Amino acid sequence: MALDVPSAAEARALVERLGPAACFYKIGLELAMSPGYFELVGWLIARGNRVFADLKLFDIPETVARAIANLRGRGISFVTVHGNQSMM
């Protein structure tokens, strides 16, 4: 389920309304840039949900690698990366 809303509070409200009807959530770039992003990710994971961080990372390979490393250990299942072979 895409959490294409502008705030973490709205995302939580949507998840609560959906209840067990959804278990895998996409968090896009807009929401990722809002306060409470990592708290939302943690909350979703703690509820037993899976998370797709649709961040569309594109930068020099070392920067993308470090960004991915910063996401490691947060329980995120997938992250989008846009780039060439050296970035992948």
PDB file of N, CA and C in Angstrom:
ATOM      1  N   MET A   1       0.851  -1.168   0.000  1.00  0.00           N
ATOM      2  CA  MET A   1       0.000   0.000   0.000  1.00  0.00           C
ATOM      3  C   MET A   1       0.895   1.229   0.000  1.00  0.00           C
ATOM      4  N   ALA A   2       0.626   2.152  -0.896  1.00  0.00           N
ATOM      5  CA  ALA A   2       1.424   3.373  -0.968  1.00  0.00           C
ATOM      6  C   ALA A   2       0.970   4.362   0.095  1.00  0.00           C
ATOM      7  N   LEU A   3       1.909   4.789   0.913  1.00  0.00           N
ATOM      8  CA  LEU A   3       1.628   5.833   1.900  1.00  0.00           C
ATOM      9  C   LEU A   3       2.019   7.171   1.289  1.00  0.00           C
ATOM     10  N   ASP A   4       1.288   7.577   0.281  1.00  0.00           N
ATOM     11  CA  ASP A   4       1.570   8.825  -0.428  1.00  0.00           C
ATOM     12  C   ASP A   4       0.815   9.973   0.228  1.00  0.00           C
ATOM     13  N   VAL A   5       1.229  10.279   1.427  1.00  0.00           N
ATOM     14  CA  VAL A   5       0.649  11.366   2.212  1.00  0.00           C
ATOM     15  C   VAL A   5       1.798  12.253   2.680  1.00  0.00           C
ATOM     16  N   PRO A   6       1.528  13.518   3.051  1.00  0.00           N
ATOM     17  CA  PRO A   6       2.614  14.439   3.365  1.00  0.00           C
ATOM     18  C   PRO A   6       3.208  14.340   4.770  1.00  0.00           C
ATOM     19  N   SER A   7       2.592  13.583   5.673  1.00  0.00           N
ATOM     20  CA  SER A   7       3.141  13.563   7.032  1.00  0.00           C
ATOM     21  C   SER A   7       3.072  12.161   7.635  1.00  0.00           C
ATOM     22  N   ALA A   8       3.943  11.934   8.606  1.00  0.00           N
ATOM     23  CA  ALA A   8       3.969  10.648   9.299  1.00  0.00           C
ATOM     24  C   ALA A   8       2.662  10.424  10.057  1.00  0.00           C
ATOM     25  N   ALA A   9       2.089  11.485  10.602  1.00  0.00           N
ATOM     26  CA  ALA A   9       0.822  11.362  11.341  1.00  0.00           C
ATOM     27  C   ALA A   9      -0.290  10.876  10.405  1.00  0.00           C
ATOM     28  N   GLU A  10      -0.335  11.415   9.188  1.00  0.00           N
ATOM     29  CA  GLU A  10      -1.336  10.980   8.220  1.00  0.00           C
ATOM     30  C   GLU A  10      -1.084   9.542   7.784  1.00  0.00           C
ATOM     31  N   ALA A  11       0.174   9.177   7.653  1.00  0.00           N
ATOM     32  CA  ALA A  11       0.515   7.805   7.281  1.00  0.00           C
ATOM     33  C   ALA A  11       0.067   6.831   8.367  1.00  0.00           C
ATOM     34  N   ARG A  12       0.343   7.169   9.616  1.00  0.00           N
ATOM     35  CA  ARG A  12      -0.086   6.296  10.722  1.00  0.00           C
ATOM     36  C   ARG A  12      -1.600   6.149  10.751  1.00  0.00           C
ATOM     37  N   ALA A  13      -2.301   7.252  10.543  1.00  0.00           N
ATOM     38  CA  ALA A  13      -3.764   7.201  10.544  1.00  0.00           C
ATOM     39  C   ALA A  13      -4.274   6.289   9.433  1.00  0.00           C
ATOM     40  N   LEU A  14      -3.657   6.369   8.260  1.00  0.00           N
ATOM     41  CA  LEU A  14      -4.057   5.519   7.143  1.00  0.00           C
ATOM     42  C   LEU A  14      -3.785   4.049   7.464  1.00  0.00           C
ATOM     43  N   VAL A  15      -2.635   3.755   8.026  1.00  0.00           N
ATOM     44  CA  VAL A  15      -2.299   2.378   8.404  1.00  0.00           C
ATOM     45  C   VAL A  15      -3.302   1.853   9.429  1.00  0.00           C
ATOM     46  N   GLU A  16      -3.650   2.665  10.387  1.00  0.00           N
ATOM     47  CA  GLU A  16      -4.633   2.262  11.408  1.00  0.00           C
ATOM     48  C   GLU A  16      -5.988   1.975  10.765  1.00  0.00           C
ATOM     49  N   ARG A  17      -6.398   2.829   9.826  1.00  0.00           N
ATOM     50  CA  ARG A  17      -7.690   2.612   9.147  1.00  0.00           C
ATOM     51  C   ARG A  17      -7.683   1.313   8.332  1.00  0.00           C
ATOM     52  N   LEU A  18      -6.556   1.016   7.707  1.00  0.00           N
ATOM     53  CA  LEU A  18      -6.461  -0.193   6.891  1.00  0.00           C
ATOM     54  C   LEU A  18      -6.418  -1.466   7.720  1.00  0.00           C
ATOM     55  N   GLY A  19      -5.899  -1.365   8.931  1.00  0.00           N
ATOM     56  CA  GLY A  19      -5.810  -2.541   9.791  1.00  0.00           C
ATOM     57  C   GLY A  19      -5.049  -3.667   9.111  1.00  0.00           C
ATOM     58  N   PRO A  20      -5.532  -4.897   9.241  1.00  0.00           N
ATOM     59  CA  PRO A  20      -4.817  -6.040   8.668  1.00  0.00           C
ATOM     60  C   PRO A  20      -5.014  -6.204   7.157  1.00  0.00           C
ATOM     61  N   ALA A  21      -5.735  -5.287   6.516  1.00  0.00           N
ATOM     62  CA  ALA A  21      -5.965  -5.395   5.072  1.00  0.00           C
ATOM     63  C   ALA A  21      -4.679  -5.189   4.269  1.00  0.00           C
ATOM     64  N   ALA A  22      -3.686  -4.546   4.853  1.00  0.00           N
ATOM     65  CA  ALA A  22      -2.402  -4.331   4.180  1.00  0.00           C
ATOM     66  C   ALA A  22      -1.275  -4.678   5.144  1.00  0.00           C
ATOM     67  N   CYS A  23      -0.169  -5.179   4.583  1.00  0.00           N
ATOM     68  CA  CYS A  23       0.960  -5.548   5.438  1.00  0.00           C
ATOM     69  C   CYS A  23       2.304  -5.097   4.866  1.00  0.00           C
ATOM     70  N   PHE A  24       2.287  -4.500   3.670  1.00  0.00           N
ATOM     71  CA  PHE A  24       3.511  -4.056   3.016  1.00  0.00           C
ATOM     72  C   PHE A  24       3.270  -2.625   2.553  1.00  0.00           C
ATOM     73  N   TYR A  25       4.099  -1.706   3.007  1.00  0.00           N
ATOM     74  CA  TYR A  25       3.875  -0.284   2.751  1.00  0.00           C
ATOM     75  C   TYR A  25       5.033   0.351   2.004  1.00  0.00           C
ATOM     76  N   LYS A  26       4.683   1.185   1.008  1.00  0.00           N
ATOM     77  CA  LYS A  26       5.654   1.983   0.275  1.00  0.00           C
ATOM     78  C   LYS A  26       5.677   3.375   0.893  1.00  0.00           C
ATOM     79  N   ILE A  27       6.872   3.833   1.238  1.00  0.00           N
ATOM     80  CA  ILE A  27       7.049   5.198   1.734  1.00  0.00           C
ATOM     81  C   ILE A  27       7.867   5.945   0.693  1.00  0.00           C
ATOM     82  N   GLY A  28       7.241   6.933   0.085  1.00  0.00           N
ATOM     83  CA  GLY A  28       7.886   7.681  -0.981  1.00  0.00           C
ATOM     84  C   GLY A  28       8.743   8.828  -0.484  1.00  0.00           C
ATOM     85  N   LEU A  29       9.290   9.544  -1.444  1.00  0.00           N
ATOM     86  CA  LEU A  29      10.242  10.614  -1.162  1.00  0.00           C
ATOM     87  C   LEU A  29       9.623  11.764  -0.364  1.00  0.00           C
ATOM     88  N   GLU A  30       8.391  12.157  -0.714  1.00  0.00           N
ATOM     89  CA  GLU A  30       7.742  13.257   0.017  1.00  0.00           C
ATOM     90  C   GLU A  30       7.674  12.953   1.513  1.00  0.00           C
ATOM     91  N   LEU A  31       7.201  11.777   1.862  1.00  0.00           N
ATOM     92  CA  LEU A  31       7.083  11.395   3.262  1.00  0.00           C
ATOM     93  C   LEU A  31       8.458  11.221   3.908  1.00  0.00           C
ATOM     94  N   ALA A  32       9.416  10.742   3.132  1.00  0.00           N
ATOM     95  CA  ALA A  32      10.768  10.556   3.666  1.00  0.00           C
ATOM     96  C   ALA A  32      11.408  11.878   4.071  1.00  0.00           C
ATOM     97  N   MET A  33      10.995  12.963   3.446  1.00  0.00           N
ATOM     98  CA  MET A  33      11.560  14.273   3.764  1.00  0.00           C
ATOM     99  C   MET A  33      10.798  14.990   4.881  1.00  0.00           C
ATOM    100  N   SER A  34       9.792  14.360   5.421  1.00  0.00           N
ATOM    101  CA  SER A  34       9.004  14.982   6.489  1.00  0.00           C
ATOM    102  C   SER A  34       9.491  14.501   7.855  1.00  0.00           C
ATOM    103  N   PRO A  35       9.218  15.275   8.896  1.00  0.00           N
ATOM    104  CA  PRO A  35       9.624  14.846  10.245  1.00  0.00           C
ATOM    105  C   PRO A  35       8.961  13.523  10.635  1.00  0.00           C
ATOM    106  N   GLY A  36       9.702  12.692  11.318  1.00  0.00           N
ATOM    107  CA  GLY A  36       9.163  11.445  11.831  1.00  0.00           C
ATOM    108  C   GLY A  36       9.280  10.252  10.898  1.00  0.00           C
ATOM    109  N   TYR A  37      10.054  10.402   9.825  1.00  0.00           N
ATOM    110  CA  TYR A  37      10.184   9.316   8.844  1.00  0.00           C
ATOM    111  C   TYR A  37      10.704   8.026   9.483  1.00  0.00           C
ATOM    112  N   PHE A  38      11.841   8.105  10.162  1.00  0.00           N
ATOM    113  CA  PHE A  38      12.420   6.883  10.725  1.00  0.00           C
ATOM    114  C   PHE A  38      11.587   6.336  11.872  1.00  0.00           C
ATOM    115  N   GLU A  39      10.908   7.197  12.595  1.00  0.00           N
ATOM    116  CA  GLU A  39       9.991   6.728  13.633  1.00  0.00           C
ATOM    117  C   GLU A  39       8.835   5.960  13.005  1.00  0.00           C
ATOM    118  N   LEU A  40       8.346   6.459  11.866  1.00  0.00           N
ATOM    119  CA  LEU A  40       7.277   5.765  11.141  1.00  0.00           C
ATOM    120  C   LEU A  40       7.756   4.403  10.662  1.00  0.00           C
ATOM    121  N   VAL A  41       8.947   4.351  10.087  1.00  0.00           N
ATOM    122  CA  VAL A  41       9.506   3.067   9.638  1.00  0.00           C
ATOM    123  C   VAL A  41       9.576   2.094  10.817  1.00  0.00           C
ATOM    124  N   GLY A  42      10.114   2.538  11.939  1.00  0.00           N
ATOM    125  CA  GLY A  42      10.212   1.683  13.118  1.00  0.00           C
ATOM    126  C   GLY A  42       8.858   1.201  13.615  1.00  0.00           C
ATOM    127  N   TRP A  43       7.889   2.097  13.598  1.00  0.00           N
ATOM    128  CA  TRP A  43       6.532   1.769  14.032  1.00  0.00           C
ATOM    129  C   TRP A  43       5.925   0.698  13.118  1.00  0.00           C
ATOM    130  N   LEU A  44       6.085   0.873  11.813  1.00  0.00           N
ATOM    131  CA  LEU A  44       5.562  -0.116  10.874  1.00  0.00           C
ATOM    132  C   LEU A  44       6.219  -1.480  11.070  1.00  0.00           C
ATOM    133  N   ILE A  45       7.531  -1.492  11.199  1.00  0.00           N
ATOM    134  CA  ILE A  45       8.263  -2.748  11.394  1.00  0.00           C
ATOM    135  C   ILE A  45       7.829  -3.418  12.699  1.00  0.00           C
ATOM    136  N   ALA A  46       7.681  -2.634  13.763  1.00  0.00           N
ATOM    137  CA  ALA A  46       7.268  -3.182  15.061  1.00  0.00           C
ATOM    138  C   ALA A  46       5.874  -3.806  14.996  1.00  0.00           C
ATOM    139  N   ARG A  47       5.049  -3.322  14.088  1.00  0.00           N
ATOM    140  CA  ARG A  47       3.700  -3.869  13.903  1.00  0.00           C
ATOM    141  C   ARG A  47       3.720  -5.149  13.062  1.00  0.00           C
ATOM    142  N   GLY A  48       4.893  -5.524  12.570  1.00  0.00           N
ATOM    143  CA  GLY A  48       5.004  -6.715  11.740  1.00  0.00           C
ATOM    144  C   GLY A  48       4.820  -6.450  10.254  1.00  0.00           C
ATOM    145  N   ASN A  49       4.831  -5.187   9.867  1.00  0.00           N
ATOM    146  CA  ASN A  49       4.683  -4.818   8.456  1.00  0.00           C
ATOM    147  C   ASN A  49       6.035  -4.816   7.764  1.00  0.00           C
ATOM    148  N   ARG A  50       5.998  -4.850   6.433  1.00  0.00           N
ATOM    149  CA  ARG A  50       7.199  -4.696   5.623  1.00  0.00           C
ATOM    150  C   ARG A  50       7.182  -3.304   5.022  1.00  0.00           C
ATOM    151  N   VAL A  51       8.378  -2.780   4.733  1.00  0.00           N
ATOM    152  CA  VAL A  51       8.509  -1.410   4.236  1.00  0.00           C
ATOM    153  C   VAL A  51       9.357  -1.373   2.975  1.00  0.00           C
ATOM    154  N   PHE A  52       8.853  -0.660   1.988  1.00  0.00           N
ATOM    155  CA  PHE A  52       9.560  -0.370   0.744  1.00  0.00           C
ATOM    156  C   PHE A  52       9.869   1.123   0.764  1.00  0.00           C
ATOM    157  N   ALA A  53      11.139   1.482   0.880  1.00  0.00           N
ATOM    158  CA  ALA A  53      11.567   2.885   0.878  1.00  0.00           C
ATOM    159  C   ALA A  53      11.798   3.299  -0.570  1.00  0.00           C
ATOM    160  N   ASP A  54      10.808   3.959  -1.146  1.00  0.00           N
ATOM    161  CA  ASP A  54      10.875   4.370  -2.553  1.00  0.00           C
ATOM    162  C   ASP A  54      11.574   5.721  -2.636  1.00  0.00           C
ATOM    163  N   LEU A  55      12.894   5.698  -2.457  1.00  0.00           N
ATOM    164  CA  LEU A  55      13.682   6.929  -2.356  1.00  0.00           C
ATOM    165  C   LEU A  55      14.341   7.348  -3.662  1.00  0.00           C
ATOM    166  N   LYS A  56      14.386   6.437  -4.625  1.00  0.00           N
ATOM    167  CA  LYS A  56      14.967   6.740  -5.935  1.00  0.00           C
ATOM    168  C   LYS A  56      16.352   7.385  -5.805  1.00  0.00           C
ATOM    169  N   LEU A  57      17.213   6.748  -5.037  1.00  0.00           N
ATOM    170  CA  LEU A  57      18.549   7.288  -4.790  1.00  0.00           C
ATOM    171  C   LEU A  57      19.355   7.356  -6.081  1.00  0.00           C
ATOM    172  N   PHE A  58      19.967   8.505  -6.322  1.00  0.00           N
ATOM    173  CA  PHE A  58      20.821   8.696  -7.488  1.00  0.00           C
ATOM    174  C   PHE A  58      21.878   9.735  -7.129  1.00  0.00           C
ATOM    175  N   ASP A  59      23.121   9.316  -7.112  1.00  0.00           N
ATOM    176  CA  ASP A  59      24.235  10.203  -6.779  1.00  0.00           C
ATOM    177  C   ASP A  59      25.506   9.455  -7.151  1.00  0.00           C
ATOM    178  N   ILE A  60      26.642   9.976  -6.742  1.00  0.00           N
ATOM    179  CA  ILE A  60      27.867   9.237  -6.995  1.00  0.00           C
ATOM    180  C   ILE A  60      27.820   7.928  -6.198  1.00  0.00           C
ATOM    181  N   PRO A  61      28.432   6.876  -6.703  1.00  0.00           N
ATOM    182  CA  PRO A  61      28.307   5.563  -6.077  1.00  0.00           C
ATOM    183  C   PRO A  61      28.629   5.546  -4.579  1.00  0.00           C
ATOM    184  N   GLU A  62      29.658   6.229  -4.157  1.00  0.00           N
ATOM    185  CA  GLU A  62      30.020   6.212  -2.733  1.00  0.00           C
ATOM    186  C   GLU A  62      28.923   6.835  -1.870  1.00  0.00           C
ATOM    187  N   THR A  63      28.312   7.886  -2.342  1.00  0.00           N
ATOM    188  CA  THR A  63      27.237   8.541  -1.587  1.00  0.00           C
ATOM    189  C   THR A  63      26.022   7.627  -1.469  1.00  0.00           C
ATOM    190  N   VAL A  64      25.667   6.959  -2.567  1.00  0.00           N
ATOM    191  CA  VAL A  64      24.547   6.025  -2.535  1.00  0.00           C
ATOM    192  C   VAL A  64      24.860   4.860  -1.594  1.00  0.00           C
ATOM    193  N   ALA A  65      26.071   4.354  -1.658  1.00  0.00           N
ATOM    194  CA  ALA A  65      26.468   3.253  -0.770  1.00  0.00           C
ATOM    195  C   ALA A  65      26.352   3.656   0.693  1.00  0.00           C
ATOM    196  N   ARG A  66      26.769   4.867   1.015  1.00  0.00           N
ATOM    197  CA  ARG A  66      26.678   5.328   2.406  1.00  0.00           C
ATOM    198  C   ARG A  66      25.233   5.546   2.834  1.00  0.00           C
ATOM    199  N   ALA A  67      24.409   6.039   1.912  1.00  0.00           N
ATOM    200  CA  ALA A  67      22.982   6.209   2.233  1.00  0.00           C
ATOM    201  C   ALA A  67      22.334   4.856   2.511  1.00  0.00           C
ATOM    202  N   ILE A  68      22.646   3.869   1.679  1.00  0.00           N
ATOM    203  CA  ILE A  68      22.115   2.517   1.893  1.00  0.00           C
ATOM    204  C   ILE A  68      22.625   1.958   3.217  1.00  0.00           C
ATOM    205  N   ALA A  69      23.884   2.188   3.523  1.00  0.00           N
ATOM    206  CA  ALA A  69      24.442   1.718   4.797  1.00  0.00           C
ATOM    207  C   ALA A  69      23.703   2.339   5.981  1.00  0.00           C
ATOM    208  N   ASN A  70      23.290   3.598   5.836  1.00  0.00           N
ATOM    209  CA  ASN A  70      22.544   4.258   6.915  1.00  0.00           C
ATOM    210  C   ASN A  70      21.142   3.670   7.078  1.00  0.00           C
ATOM    211  N   LEU A  71      20.625   3.037   6.048  1.00  0.00           N
ATOM    212  CA  LEU A  71      19.315   2.386   6.144  1.00  0.00           C
ATOM    213  C   LEU A  71      19.416   0.966   6.703  1.00  0.00           C
ATOM    214  N   ARG A  72      20.598   0.386   6.616  1.00  0.00           N
ATOM    215  CA  ARG A  72      20.804  -0.988   7.077  1.00  0.00           C
ATOM    216  C   ARG A  72      20.431  -1.104   8.557  1.00  0.00           C
ATOM    217  N   GLY A  73      19.796  -2.190   8.885  1.00  0.00           N
ATOM    218  CA  GLY A  73      19.438  -2.444  10.270  1.00  0.00           C
ATOM    219  C   GLY A  73      18.119  -1.815  10.689  1.00  0.00           C
ATOM    220  N   ARG A  74      17.434  -1.136   9.786  1.00  0.00           N
ATOM    221  CA  ARG A  74      16.150  -0.509  10.120  1.00  0.00           C
ATOM    222  C   ARG A  74      14.962  -1.386   9.745  1.00  0.00           C
ATOM    223  N   GLY A  75      15.219  -2.538   9.122  1.00  0.00           N
ATOM    224  CA  GLY A  75      14.156  -3.468   8.781  1.00  0.00           C
ATOM    225  C   GLY A  75      13.481  -3.201   7.453  1.00  0.00           C
ATOM    226  N   ILE A  76      14.013  -2.271   6.671  1.00  0.00           N
ATOM    227  CA  ILE A  76      13.435  -1.947   5.370  1.00  0.00           C
ATOM    228  C   ILE A  76      13.709  -3.096   4.397  1.00  0.00           C
ATOM    229  N   SER A  77      12.669  -3.515   3.674  1.00  0.00           N
ATOM    230  CA  SER A  77      12.793  -4.648   2.761  1.00  0.00           C
ATOM    231  C   SER A  77      13.400  -4.284   1.422  1.00  0.00           C
ATOM    232  N   PHE A  78      12.997  -3.147   0.852  1.00  0.00           N
ATOM    233  CA  PHE A  78      13.459  -2.719  -0.468  1.00  0.00           C
ATOM    234  C   PHE A  78      13.713  -1.226  -0.469  1.00  0.00           C
ATOM    235  N   VAL A  79      14.680  -0.804  -1.295  1.00  0.00           N
ATOM    236  CA  VAL A  79      14.966   0.612  -1.534  1.00  0.00           C
ATOM    237  C   VAL A  79      15.185   0.773  -3.029  1.00  0.00           C
ATOM    238  N   THR A  80      14.622   1.816  -3.622  1.00  0.00           N
ATOM    239  CA  THR A  80      14.882   2.055  -5.042  1.00  0.00           C
ATOM    240  C   THR A  80      16.169   2.847  -5.199  1.00  0.00           C
ATOM    241  N   VAL A  81      16.962   2.391  -6.163  1.00  0.00           N
ATOM    242  CA  VAL A  81      18.210   3.079  -6.528  1.00  0.00           C
ATOM    243  C   VAL A  81      18.175   3.270  -8.037  1.00  0.00           C
ATOM    244  N   HIS A  82      18.386   4.470  -8.490  1.00  0.00           N
ATOM    245  CA  HIS A  82      18.481   4.764  -9.926  1.00  0.00           C
ATOM    246  C   HIS A  82      19.945   5.021 -10.240  1.00  0.00           C
ATOM    247  N   GLY A  83      20.461   4.385 -11.266  1.00  0.00           N
ATOM    248  CA  GLY A  83      21.850   4.643 -11.571  1.00  0.00           C
ATOM    249  C   GLY A  83      22.443   3.676 -12.565  1.00  0.00           C
ATOM    250  N   ASN A  84      23.740   3.811 -12.704  1.00  0.00           N
ATOM    251  CA  ASN A  84      24.468   2.972 -13.648  1.00  0.00           C
ATOM    252  C   ASN A  84      25.045   1.750 -12.943  1.00  0.00           C
ATOM    253  N   GLN A  85      25.782   0.953 -13.669  1.00  0.00           N
ATOM    254  CA  GLN A  85      26.312  -0.298 -13.117  1.00  0.00           C
ATOM    255  C   GLN A  85      27.219  -0.061 -11.917  1.00  0.00           C
ATOM    256  N   SER A  86      28.067   0.981 -11.954  1.00  0.00           N
ATOM    257  CA  SER A  86      28.974   1.206 -10.834  1.00  0.00           C
ATOM    258  C   SER A  86      28.210   1.572  -9.559  1.00  0.00           C
ATOM    259  N   MET A  87      27.077   2.193  -9.694  1.00  0.00           N
ATOM    260  CA  MET A  87      26.261   2.534  -8.524  1.00  0.00           C
ATOM    261  C   MET A  87      25.600   1.301  -7.937  1.00  0.00           C
ATOM    262  N   MET A  88      25.201   0.406  -8.820  1.00  0.00           N
ATOM    263  CA  MET A  88      24.531  -0.818  -8.350  1.00  0.00           C
ATOM    264  C   MET A  88      25.511  -1.709  -7.630  1.00  0.00           C
TER     265      MET A  88
END
